[in-house]
């Protein structure tokens, strides 16, 4: 009997690709979007024991640091690359902005 193979599809963006961000989500220069409410529901489906506010995983110790959002059908990764000395500051500011919007992220560091 054939086995179903799980494929993990991902779209990857740089932090500099973000055109706009508000409490509903992120809009990229190419017109694609991340909707936070969709990510919250998807994360809760995968991790039912979660707080219900988690929308992504983050890893500050990766090179480059990143956030991976639980969008429908695939994940969307934002890499904090090409920022030089500002990398950790921009990463932390981004995390705090998500928290101000009422969402959390799971730390993989």
PDB file of N, CA and C in Angstrom:
ATOM      1  N   UNK A   1       0.845  -1.176   0.000  1.00  0.00           N
ATOM      2  CA  UNK A   1       0.000   0.000   0.000  1.00  0.00           C
ATOM      3  C   UNK A   1       0.891   1.239   0.000  1.00  0.00           C
ATOM      4  N   UNK A   2       0.563   2.215  -0.810  1.00  0.00           N
ATOM      5  CA  UNK A   2       1.340   3.451  -0.902  1.00  0.00           C
ATOM      6  C   UNK A   2       1.137   4.288   0.352  1.00  0.00           C
ATOM      7  N   UNK A   3       2.208   4.930   0.776  1.00  0.00           N
ATOM      8  CA  UNK A   3       2.128   5.819   1.929  1.00  0.00           C
ATOM      9  C   UNK A   3       2.042   7.258   1.453  1.00  0.00           C
ATOM     10  N   UNK A   4       1.286   8.039   2.185  1.00  0.00           N
ATOM     11  CA  UNK A   4       1.192   9.452   1.868  1.00  0.00           C
ATOM     12  C   UNK A   4       2.410  10.158   2.455  1.00  0.00           C
ATOM     13  N   UNK A   5       3.093  10.931   1.652  1.00  0.00           N
ATOM     14  CA  UNK A   5       4.273  11.673   2.100  1.00  0.00           C
ATOM     15  C   UNK A   5       3.839  13.097   2.413  1.00  0.00           C
ATOM     16  N   UNK A   6       4.198  13.558   3.595  1.00  0.00           N
ATOM     17  CA  UNK A   6       3.858  14.918   4.006  1.00  0.00           C
ATOM     18  C   UNK A   6       4.891  15.878   3.412  1.00  0.00           C
ATOM     19  N   UNK A   7       4.420  16.825   2.644  1.00  0.00           N
ATOM     20  CA  UNK A   7       5.299  17.863   2.102  1.00  0.00           C
ATOM     21  C   UNK A   7       5.062  19.145   2.866  1.00  0.00           C
ATOM     22  N   UNK A   8       6.118  19.831   3.154  1.00  0.00           N
ATOM     23  CA  UNK A   8       6.032  21.092   3.873  1.00  0.00           C
ATOM     24  C   UNK A   8       6.347  22.214   2.888  1.00  0.00           C
ATOM     25  N   UNK A   9       5.326  22.945   2.473  1.00  0.00           N
ATOM     26  CA  UNK A   9       5.508  24.039   1.537  1.00  0.00           C
ATOM     27  C   UNK A   9       5.714  25.333   2.307  1.00  0.00           C
ATOM     28  N   UNK A  10       6.673  26.110   1.850  1.00  0.00           N
ATOM     29  CA  UNK A  10       7.017  27.344   2.539  1.00  0.00           C
ATOM     30  C   UNK A  10       7.280  28.452   1.533  1.00  0.00           C
ATOM     31  N   UNK A  11       6.782  29.644   1.815  1.00  0.00           N
ATOM     32  CA  UNK A  11       7.180  30.850   1.108  1.00  0.00           C
ATOM     33  C   UNK A  11       8.119  31.599   2.039  1.00  0.00           C
ATOM     34  N   UNK A  12       9.220  32.088   1.502  1.00  0.00           N
ATOM     35  CA  UNK A  12      10.219  32.773   2.311  1.00  0.00           C
ATOM     36  C   UNK A  12      10.366  34.217   1.843  1.00  0.00           C
ATOM     37  N   UNK A  13      10.354  35.128   2.811  1.00  0.00           N
ATOM     38  CA  UNK A  13      10.481  36.559   2.546  1.00  0.00           C
ATOM     39  C   UNK A  13      11.573  37.140   3.434  1.00  0.00           C
ATOM     40  N   UNK A  14      12.134  38.240   3.001  1.00  0.00           N
ATOM     41  CA  UNK A  14      13.030  39.024   3.851  1.00  0.00           C
ATOM     42  C   UNK A  14      12.201  40.055   4.605  1.00  0.00           C
ATOM     43  N   UNK A  15      12.681  40.455   5.756  1.00  0.00           N
ATOM     44  CA  UNK A  15      12.019  41.497   6.543  1.00  0.00           C
ATOM     45  C   UNK A  15      11.798  42.744   5.683  1.00  0.00           C
ATOM     46  N   UNK A  16      12.743  43.037   4.807  1.00  0.00           N
ATOM     47  CA  UNK A  16      12.644  44.223   3.944  1.00  0.00           C
ATOM     48  C   UNK A  16      11.528  44.105   2.898  1.00  0.00           C
ATOM     49  N   UNK A  17      10.952  42.902   2.702  1.00  0.00           N
ATOM     50  CA  UNK A  17       9.848  42.698   1.762  1.00  0.00           C
ATOM     51  C   UNK A  17       8.502  43.137   2.331  1.00  0.00           C
ATOM     52  N   UNK A  18       8.461  43.475   3.619  1.00  0.00           N
ATOM     53  CA  UNK A  18       7.197  43.870   4.250  1.00  0.00           C
ATOM     54  C   UNK A  18       6.833  45.281   3.798  1.00  0.00           C
ATOM     55  N   UNK A  19       5.632  45.394   3.229  1.00  0.00           N
ATOM     56  CA  UNK A  19       5.131  46.698   2.778  1.00  0.00           C
ATOM     57  C   UNK A  19       4.361  47.394   3.891  1.00  0.00           C
ATOM     58  N   UNK A  20       3.565  46.591   4.634  1.00  0.00           N
ATOM     59  CA  UNK A  20       2.732  47.157   5.691  1.00  0.00           C
ATOM     60  C   UNK A  20       2.393  46.068   6.694  1.00  0.00           C
ATOM     61  N   UNK A  21       2.079  46.488   7.916  1.00  0.00           N
ATOM     62  CA  UNK A  21       1.704  45.555   8.975  1.00  0.00           C
ATOM     63  C   UNK A  21       0.770  46.277   9.929  1.00  0.00           C
ATOM     64  N   UNK A  22      -0.336  45.600  10.288  1.00  0.00           N
ATOM     65  CA  UNK A  22      -1.244  46.127  11.298  1.00  0.00           C
ATOM     66  C   UNK A  22      -1.779  44.965  12.123  1.00  0.00           C
ATOM     67  N   UNK A  23      -2.778  45.215  12.957  1.00  0.00           N
ATOM     68  CA  UNK A  23      -3.273  44.181  13.867  1.00  0.00           C
ATOM     69  C   UNK A  23      -3.930  43.007  13.151  1.00  0.00           C
ATOM     70  N   UNK A  24      -4.244  43.152  11.858  1.00  0.00           N
ATOM     71  CA  UNK A  24      -4.862  42.042  11.123  1.00  0.00           C
ATOM     72  C   UNK A  24      -3.844  41.173  10.389  1.00  0.00           C
ATOM     73  N   UNK A  25      -2.661  41.718  10.074  1.00  0.00           N
ATOM     74  CA  UNK A  25      -1.677  40.907   9.374  1.00  0.00           C
ATOM     75  C   UNK A  25      -0.562  41.698   8.727  1.00  0.00           C
ATOM     76  N   UNK A  26       0.104  41.024   7.794  1.00  0.00           N
ATOM     77  CA  UNK A  26       1.284  41.570   7.117  1.00  0.00           C
ATOM     78  C   UNK A  26       1.032  41.545   5.617  1.00  0.00           C
ATOM     79  N   UNK A  27       1.352  42.638   4.946  1.00  0.00           N
ATOM     80  CA  UNK A  27       1.273  42.734   3.492  1.00  0.00           C
ATOM     81  C   UNK A  27       2.699  42.861   2.955  1.00  0.00           C
ATOM     82  N   UNK A  28       3.014  42.030   1.971  1.00  0.00           N
ATOM     83  CA  UNK A  28       4.335  42.061   1.354  1.00  0.00           C
ATOM     84  C   UNK A  28       4.309  42.860   0.058  1.00  0.00           C
ATOM     85  N   UNK A  29       5.481  43.284  -0.383  1.00  0.00           N
ATOM     86  CA  UNK A  29       5.611  44.067  -1.615  1.00  0.00           C
ATOM     87  C   UNK A  29       4.987  43.384  -2.823  1.00  0.00           C
ATOM     88  N   UNK A  30       5.017  42.051  -2.860  1.00  0.00           N
ATOM     89  CA  UNK A  30       4.492  41.315  -4.021  1.00  0.00           C
ATOM     90  C   UNK A  30       2.985  41.074  -3.958  1.00  0.00           C
ATOM     91  N   UNK A  31       2.314  41.609  -2.912  1.00  0.00           N
ATOM     92  CA  UNK A  31       0.867  41.485  -2.792  1.00  0.00           C
ATOM     93  C   UNK A  31       0.388  40.331  -1.930  1.00  0.00           C
ATOM     94  N   UNK A  32       1.264  39.385  -1.569  1.00  0.00           N
ATOM     95  CA  UNK A  32       0.874  38.292  -0.678  1.00  0.00           C
ATOM     96  C   UNK A  32       0.701  38.821   0.737  1.00  0.00           C
ATOM     97  N   UNK A  33      -0.113  38.115   1.523  1.00  0.00           N
ATOM     98  CA  UNK A  33      -0.418  38.555   2.884  1.00  0.00           C
ATOM     99  C   UNK A  33      -0.356  37.398   3.871  1.00  0.00           C
ATOM    100  N   UNK A  34      -0.130  37.752   5.106  1.00  0.00           N
ATOM    101  CA  UNK A  34      -0.276  36.852   6.245  1.00  0.00           C
ATOM    102  C   UNK A  34      -1.405  37.431   7.083  1.00  0.00           C
ATOM    103  N   UNK A  35      -2.413  36.596   7.388  1.00  0.00           N
ATOM    104  CA  UNK A  35      -3.529  37.033   8.223  1.00  0.00           C
ATOM    105  C   UNK A  35      -3.380  36.381   9.593  1.00  0.00           C
ATOM    106  N   UNK A  36      -3.226  37.202  10.622  1.00  0.00           N
ATOM    107  CA  UNK A  36      -2.924  36.697  11.961  1.00  0.00           C
ATOM    108  C   UNK A  36      -4.013  35.792  12.517  1.00  0.00           C
ATOM    109  N   UNK A  37      -5.272  36.116  12.275  1.00  0.00           N
ATOM    110  CA  UNK A  37      -6.360  35.292  12.807  1.00  0.00           C
ATOM    111  C   UNK A  37      -6.307  33.883  12.200  1.00  0.00           C
ATOM    112  N   UNK A  38      -6.003  33.794  10.925  1.00  0.00           N
ATOM    113  CA  UNK A  38      -5.843  32.504  10.254  1.00  0.00           C
ATOM    114  C   UNK A  38      -4.694  31.715  10.896  1.00  0.00           C
ATOM    115  N   UNK A  39      -3.586  32.393  11.166  1.00  0.00           N
ATOM    116  CA  UNK A  39      -2.432  31.735  11.795  1.00  0.00           C
ATOM    117  C   UNK A  39      -2.766  31.253  13.200  1.00  0.00           C
ATOM    118  N   UNK A  40      -3.522  32.052  13.942  1.00  0.00           N
ATOM    119  CA  UNK A  40      -3.912  31.680  15.308  1.00  0.00           C
ATOM    120  C   UNK A  40      -4.749  30.405  15.289  1.00  0.00           C
ATOM    121  N   UNK A  41      -5.705  30.341  14.376  1.00  0.00           N
ATOM    122  CA  UNK A  41      -6.557  29.145  14.275  1.00  0.00           C
ATOM    123  C   UNK A  41      -5.736  27.922  13.868  1.00  0.00           C
ATOM    124  N   UNK A  42      -4.830  28.088  12.905  1.00  0.00           N
ATOM    125  CA  UNK A  42      -4.014  26.963  12.445  1.00  0.00           C
ATOM    126  C   UNK A  42      -3.070  26.471  13.532  1.00  0.00           C
ATOM    127  N   UNK A  43      -2.452  27.395  14.265  1.00  0.00           N
ATOM    128  CA  UNK A  43      -1.552  26.995  15.348  1.00  0.00           C
ATOM    129  C   UNK A  43      -2.331  26.235  16.417  1.00  0.00           C
ATOM    130  N   UNK A  44      -3.535  26.702  16.755  1.00  0.00           N
ATOM    131  CA  UNK A  44      -4.364  26.045  17.771  1.00  0.00           C
ATOM    132  C   UNK A  44      -4.793  24.645  17.334  1.00  0.00           C
ATOM    133  N   UNK A  45      -4.979  24.442  16.031  1.00  0.00           N
ATOM    134  CA  UNK A  45      -5.329  23.109  15.531  1.00  0.00           C
ATOM    135  C   UNK A  45      -4.164  22.140  15.700  1.00  0.00           C
ATOM    136  N   UNK A  46      -2.961  22.620  15.431  1.00  0.00           N
ATOM    137  CA  UNK A  46      -1.763  21.774  15.543  1.00  0.00           C
ATOM    138  C   UNK A  46      -1.385  21.553  17.001  1.00  0.00           C
ATOM    139  N   UNK A  47      -1.531  22.604  17.820  1.00  0.00           N
ATOM    140  CA  UNK A  47      -1.179  22.546  19.239  1.00  0.00           C
ATOM    141  C   UNK A  47      -2.397  22.948  20.080  1.00  0.00           C
ATOM    142  N   UNK A  48      -3.355  22.037  20.270  1.00  0.00           N
ATOM    143  CA  UNK A  48      -4.581  22.387  20.994  1.00  0.00           C
ATOM    144  C   UNK A  48      -4.334  22.834  22.439  1.00  0.00           C
ATOM    145  N   UNK A  49      -3.201  22.462  23.002  1.00  0.00           N
ATOM    146  CA  UNK A  49      -2.887  22.856  24.375  1.00  0.00           C
ATOM    147  C   UNK A  49      -2.302  24.269  24.461  1.00  0.00           C
ATOM    148  N   UNK A  50      -2.132  24.943  23.320  1.00  0.00           N
ATOM    149  CA  UNK A  50      -1.535  26.284  23.305  1.00  0.00           C
ATOM    150  C   UNK A  50      -2.489  27.314  23.902  1.00  0.00           C
ATOM    151  N   UNK A  51      -1.972  28.506  24.115  1.00  0.00           N
ATOM    152  CA  UNK A  51      -2.736  29.577  24.753  1.00  0.00           C
ATOM    153  C   UNK A  51      -3.867  30.113  23.889  1.00  0.00           C
ATOM    154  N   UNK A  52      -3.824  29.840  22.598  1.00  0.00           N
ATOM    155  CA  UNK A  52      -4.841  30.361  21.694  1.00  0.00           C
ATOM    156  C   UNK A  52      -4.477  31.694  21.079  1.00  0.00           C
ATOM    157  N   UNK A  53      -3.320  32.238  21.440  1.00  0.00           N
ATOM    158  CA  UNK A  53      -2.874  33.504  20.862  1.00  0.00           C
ATOM    159  C   UNK A  53      -1.635  33.337  19.984  1.00  0.00           C
ATOM    160  N   UNK A  54      -1.077  32.143  19.936  1.00  0.00           N
ATOM    161  CA  UNK A  54       0.161  31.906  19.204  1.00  0.00           C
ATOM    162  C   UNK A  54      -0.105  31.842  17.698  1.00  0.00           C
ATOM    163  N   UNK A  55       0.732  32.535  16.910  1.00  0.00           N
ATOM    164  CA  UNK A  55       0.536  32.592  15.465  1.00  0.00           C
ATOM    165  C   UNK A  55       1.763  32.130  14.674  1.00  0.00           C
ATOM    166  N   UNK A  56       2.898  31.950  15.361  1.00  0.00           N
ATOM    167  CA  UNK A  56       4.134  31.634  14.638  1.00  0.00           C
ATOM    168  C   UNK A  56       5.164  31.041  15.576  1.00  0.00           C
ATOM    169  N   UNK A  57       6.188  30.475  14.970  1.00  0.00           N
ATOM    170  CA  UNK A  57       7.394  30.080  15.690  1.00  0.00           C
ATOM    171  C   UNK A  57       8.469  31.101  15.364  1.00  0.00           C
ATOM    172  N   UNK A  58       9.390  31.315  16.305  1.00  0.00           N
ATOM    173  CA  UNK A  58      10.479  32.247  16.065  1.00  0.00           C
ATOM    174  C   UNK A  58      11.780  31.633  16.556  1.00  0.00           C
ATOM    175  N   UNK A  59      12.878  32.017  15.919  1.00  0.00           N
ATOM    176  CA  UNK A  59      14.193  31.554  16.359  1.00  0.00           C
ATOM    177  C   UNK A  59      15.183  32.706  16.230  1.00  0.00           C
ATOM    178  N   UNK A  60      15.501  33.306  17.354  1.00  0.00           N
ATOM    179  CA  UNK A  60      16.436  34.432  17.383  1.00  0.00           C
ATOM    180  C   UNK A  60      17.877  33.979  17.232  1.00  0.00           C
ATOM    181  N   UNK A  61      18.158  32.705  17.536  1.00  0.00           N
ATOM    182  CA  UNK A  61      19.545  32.221  17.481  1.00  0.00           C
ATOM    183  C   UNK A  61      19.928  31.653  16.114  1.00  0.00           C
ATOM    184  N   UNK A  62      18.974  31.550  15.204  1.00  0.00           N
ATOM    185  CA  UNK A  62      19.277  31.053  13.852  1.00  0.00           C
ATOM    186  C   UNK A  62      20.059  32.117  13.084  1.00  0.00           C
ATOM    187  N   UNK A  63      20.707  31.698  12.038  1.00  0.00           N
ATOM    188  CA  UNK A  63      21.439  32.632  11.195  1.00  0.00           C
ATOM    189  C   UNK A  63      20.917  32.521   9.768  1.00  0.00           C
ATOM    190  N   UNK A  64      20.061  33.396   9.329  1.00  0.00           N
ATOM    191  CA  UNK A  64      19.516  34.573  10.012  1.00  0.00           C
ATOM    192  C   UNK A  64      18.316  34.209  10.897  1.00  0.00           C
ATOM    193  N   UNK A  65      18.021  35.067  11.877  1.00  0.00           N
ATOM    194  CA  UNK A  65      16.835  34.868  12.714  1.00  0.00           C
ATOM    195  C   UNK A  65      15.577  34.910  11.854  1.00  0.00           C
ATOM    196  N   UNK A  66      14.502  34.251  12.321  1.00  0.00           N
ATOM    197  CA  UNK A  66      13.294  34.194  11.503  1.00  0.00           C
ATOM    198  C   UNK A  66      12.046  33.996  12.349  1.00  0.00           C
ATOM    199  N   UNK A  67      10.908  34.294  11.728  1.00  0.00           N
ATOM    200  CA  UNK A  67       9.577  33.944  12.222  1.00  0.00           C
ATOM    201  C   UNK A  67       8.952  33.061  11.160  1.00  0.00           C
ATOM    202  N   UNK A  68       8.273  31.984  11.573  1.00  0.00           N
ATOM    203  CA  UNK A  68       7.555  31.119  10.644  1.00  0.00           C
ATOM    204  C   UNK A  68       6.086  31.099  11.037  1.00  0.00           C
ATOM    205  N   UNK A  69       5.239  31.652  10.167  1.00  0.00           N
ATOM    206  CA  UNK A  69       3.815  31.805  10.436  1.00  0.00           C
ATOM    207  C   UNK A  69       3.026  30.612   9.930  1.00  0.00           C
ATOM    208  N   UNK A  70       1.972  30.246  10.662  1.00  0.00           N
ATOM    209  CA  UNK A  70       1.111  29.104  10.360  1.00  0.00           C
ATOM    210  C   UNK A  70      -0.043  29.532   9.448  1.00  0.00           C
ATOM    211  N   UNK A  71       0.273  29.836   8.206  1.00  0.00           N
ATOM    212  CA  UNK A  71      -0.758  30.208   7.246  1.00  0.00           C
ATOM    213  C   UNK A  71      -1.406  28.946   6.678  1.00  0.00           C
ATOM    214  N   UNK A  72      -2.496  29.091   5.934  1.00  0.00           N
ATOM    215  CA  UNK A  72      -3.208  27.934   5.373  1.00  0.00           C
ATOM    216  C   UNK A  72      -2.439  27.289   4.231  1.00  0.00           C
ATOM    217  N   UNK A  73      -2.286  25.972   4.313  1.00  0.00           N
ATOM    218  CA  UNK A  73      -1.680  25.202   3.243  1.00  0.00           C
ATOM    219  C   UNK A  73      -0.178  25.238   3.161  1.00  0.00           C
ATOM    220  N   UNK A  74       0.432  26.176   3.842  1.00  0.00           N
ATOM    221  CA  UNK A  74       1.892  26.299   3.835  1.00  0.00           C
ATOM    222  C   UNK A  74       2.292  27.219   4.977  1.00  0.00           C
ATOM    223  N   UNK A  75       3.568  27.285   5.220  1.00  0.00           N
ATOM    224  CA  UNK A  75       4.040  28.259   6.196  1.00  0.00           C
ATOM    225  C   UNK A  75       4.688  29.412   5.435  1.00  0.00           C
ATOM    226  N   UNK A  76       4.755  30.548   6.086  1.00  0.00           N
ATOM    227  CA  UNK A  76       5.411  31.716   5.500  1.00  0.00           C
ATOM    228  C   UNK A  76       6.478  32.165   6.481  1.00  0.00           C
ATOM    229  N   UNK A  77       7.713  32.231   5.979  1.00  0.00           N
ATOM    230  CA  UNK A  77       8.866  32.560   6.807  1.00  0.00           C
ATOM    231  C   UNK A  77       9.331  33.976   6.487  1.00  0.00           C
ATOM    232  N   UNK A  78       9.604  34.736   7.534  1.00  0.00           N
ATOM    233  CA  UNK A  78      10.221  36.051   7.381  1.00  0.00           C
ATOM    234  C   UNK A  78      11.623  35.966   7.963  1.00  0.00           C
ATOM    235  N   UNK A  79      12.618  36.148   7.092  1.00  0.00           N
ATOM    236  CA  UNK A  79      14.022  36.123   7.500  1.00  0.00           C
ATOM    237  C   UNK A  79      14.486  37.529   7.827  1.00  0.00           C
ATOM    238  N   UNK A  80      15.208  37.658   8.897  1.00  0.00           N
ATOM    239  CA  UNK A  80      15.792  38.939   9.280  1.00  0.00           C
ATOM    240  C   UNK A  80      17.242  38.942   8.798  1.00  0.00           C
ATOM    241  N   UNK A  81      17.362  39.083   7.475  1.00  0.00           N
ATOM    242  CA  UNK A  81      18.671  39.022   6.832  1.00  0.00           C
ATOM    243  C   UNK A  81      19.014  40.381   6.215  1.00  0.00           C
ATOM    244  N   UNK A  82      20.295  40.615   6.014  1.00  0.00           N
ATOM    245  CA  UNK A  82      20.742  41.846   5.377  1.00  0.00           C
ATOM    246  C   UNK A  82      20.539  43.093   6.203  1.00  0.00           C
ATOM    247  N   UNK A  83      20.405  42.968   7.509  1.00  0.00           N
ATOM    248  CA  UNK A  83      20.162  44.131   8.367  1.00  0.00           C
ATOM    249  C   UNK A  83      21.392  44.564   9.146  1.00  0.00           C
ATOM    250  N   UNK A  84      22.475  43.809   9.023  1.00  0.00           N
ATOM    251  CA  UNK A  84      23.713  44.169   9.724  1.00  0.00           C
ATOM    252  C   UNK A  84      23.548  44.201  11.223  1.00  0.00           C
ATOM    253  N   UNK A  85      24.043  45.263  11.815  1.00  0.00           N
ATOM    254  CA  UNK A  85      24.004  45.401  13.287  1.00  0.00           C
ATOM    255  C   UNK A  85      22.589  45.558  13.835  1.00  0.00           C
ATOM    256  N   UNK A  86      21.656  45.933  13.001  1.00  0.00           N
ATOM    257  CA  UNK A  86      20.272  46.154  13.448  1.00  0.00           C
ATOM    258  C   UNK A  86      19.444  44.878  13.503  1.00  0.00           C
ATOM    259  N   UNK A  87      20.026  43.730  13.148  1.00  0.00           N
ATOM    260  CA  UNK A  87      19.256  42.491  13.023  1.00  0.00           C
ATOM    261  C   UNK A  87      18.494  42.151  14.293  1.00  0.00           C
ATOM    262  N   UNK A  88      19.172  42.030  15.413  1.00  0.00           N
ATOM    263  CA  UNK A  88      18.499  41.629  16.658  1.00  0.00           C
ATOM    264  C   UNK A  88      17.511  42.680  17.133  1.00  0.00           C
ATOM    265  N   UNK A  89      17.837  43.948  16.935  1.00  0.00           N
ATOM    266  CA  UNK A  89      16.926  45.016  17.330  1.00  0.00           C
ATOM    267  C   UNK A  89      15.632  44.955  16.519  1.00  0.00           C
ATOM    268  N   UNK A  90      15.745  44.792  15.205  1.00  0.00           N
ATOM    269  CA  UNK A  90      14.555  44.708  14.342  1.00  0.00           C
ATOM    270  C   UNK A  90      13.730  43.460  14.673  1.00  0.00           C
ATOM    271  N   UNK A  91      14.421  42.345  14.952  1.00  0.00           N
ATOM    272  CA  UNK A  91      13.752  41.097  15.314  1.00  0.00           C
ATOM    273  C   UNK A  91      12.934  41.295  16.590  1.00  0.00           C
ATOM    274  N   UNK A  92      13.548  41.881  17.604  1.00  0.00           N
ATOM    275  CA  UNK A  92      12.879  42.108  18.886  1.00  0.00           C
ATOM    276  C   UNK A  92      11.725  43.101  18.740  1.00  0.00           C
ATOM    277  N   UNK A  93      11.931  44.169  17.983  1.00  0.00           N
ATOM    278  CA  UNK A  93      10.863  45.142  17.750  1.00  0.00           C
ATOM    279  C   UNK A  93       9.668  44.492  17.056  1.00  0.00           C
ATOM    280  N   UNK A  94       9.943  43.620  16.092  1.00  0.00           N
ATOM    281  CA  UNK A  94       8.885  42.906  15.373  1.00  0.00           C
ATOM    282  C   UNK A  94       8.097  42.023  16.347  1.00  0.00           C
ATOM    283  N   UNK A  95       8.805  41.292  17.199  1.00  0.00           N
ATOM    284  CA  UNK A  95       8.159  40.435  18.194  1.00  0.00           C
ATOM    285  C   UNK A  95       7.277  41.260  19.129  1.00  0.00           C
ATOM    286  N   UNK A  96       7.787  42.386  19.609  1.00  0.00           N
ATOM    287  CA  UNK A  96       7.020  43.234  20.518  1.00  0.00           C
ATOM    288  C   UNK A  96       5.784  43.826  19.828  1.00  0.00           C
ATOM    289  N   UNK A  97       5.899  44.125  18.545  1.00  0.00           N
ATOM    290  CA  UNK A  97       4.753  44.645  17.804  1.00  0.00           C
ATOM    291  C   UNK A  97       3.645  43.584  17.734  1.00  0.00           C
ATOM    292  N   UNK A  98       4.026  42.336  17.462  1.00  0.00           N
ATOM    293  CA  UNK A  98       3.043  41.248  17.453  1.00  0.00           C
ATOM    294  C   UNK A  98       2.368  41.118  18.811  1.00  0.00           C
ATOM    295  N   UNK A  99       3.152  41.244  19.877  1.00  0.00           N
ATOM    296  CA  UNK A  99       2.601  41.153  21.232  1.00  0.00           C
ATOM    297  C   UNK A  99       1.630  42.294  21.512  1.00  0.00           C
ATOM    298  N   UNK A 100       1.950  43.492  21.050  1.00  0.00           N
ATOM    299  CA  UNK A 100       1.026  44.629  21.229  1.00  0.00           C
ATOM    300  C   UNK A 100      -0.296  44.387  20.497  1.00  0.00           C
ATOM    301  N   UNK A 101      -0.258  43.647  19.407  1.00  0.00           N
ATOM    302  CA  UNK A 101      -1.474  43.291  18.675  1.00  0.00           C
ATOM    303  C   UNK A 101      -2.238  42.156  19.366  1.00  0.00           C
ATOM    304  N   UNK A 102      -1.675  41.583  20.425  1.00  0.00           N
ATOM    305  CA  UNK A 102      -2.355  40.541  21.188  1.00  0.00           C
ATOM    306  C   UNK A 102      -1.978  39.119  20.816  1.00  0.00           C
ATOM    307  N   UNK A 103      -0.884  38.946  20.061  1.00  0.00           N
ATOM    308  CA  UNK A 103      -0.463  37.625  19.625  1.00  0.00           C
ATOM    309  C   UNK A 103       0.874  37.237  20.235  1.00  0.00           C
ATOM    310  N   UNK A 104       1.077  35.923  20.347  1.00  0.00           N
ATOM    311  CA  UNK A 104       2.342  35.413  20.856  1.00  0.00           C
ATOM    312  C   UNK A 104       3.003  34.556  19.777  1.00  0.00           C
ATOM    313  N   UNK A 105       4.282  34.251  19.991  1.00  0.00           N
ATOM    314  CA  UNK A 105       5.034  33.374  19.095  1.00  0.00           C
ATOM    315  C   UNK A 105       5.810  32.363  19.946  1.00  0.00           C
ATOM    316  N   UNK A 106       6.013  31.196  19.398  1.00  0.00           N
ATOM    317  CA  UNK A 106       6.682  30.117  20.120  1.00  0.00           C
ATOM    318  C   UNK A 106       8.181  30.201  19.878  1.00  0.00           C
ATOM    319  N   UNK A 107       8.969  30.271  20.955  1.00  0.00           N
ATOM    320  CA  UNK A 107      10.417  30.437  20.874  1.00  0.00           C
ATOM    321  C   UNK A 107      11.120  29.117  20.639  1.00  0.00           C
ATOM    322  N   UNK A 108      11.856  28.996  19.548  1.00  0.00           N
ATOM    323  CA  UNK A 108      12.632  27.803  19.232  1.00  0.00           C
ATOM    324  C   UNK A 108      14.099  27.928  19.631  1.00  0.00           C
ATOM    325  N   UNK A 109      14.511  29.103  20.098  1.00  0.00           N
ATOM    326  CA  UNK A 109      15.925  29.343  20.446  1.00  0.00           C
ATOM    327  C   UNK A 109      16.374  28.506  21.620  1.00  0.00           C
TER     328      UNK A 109
END
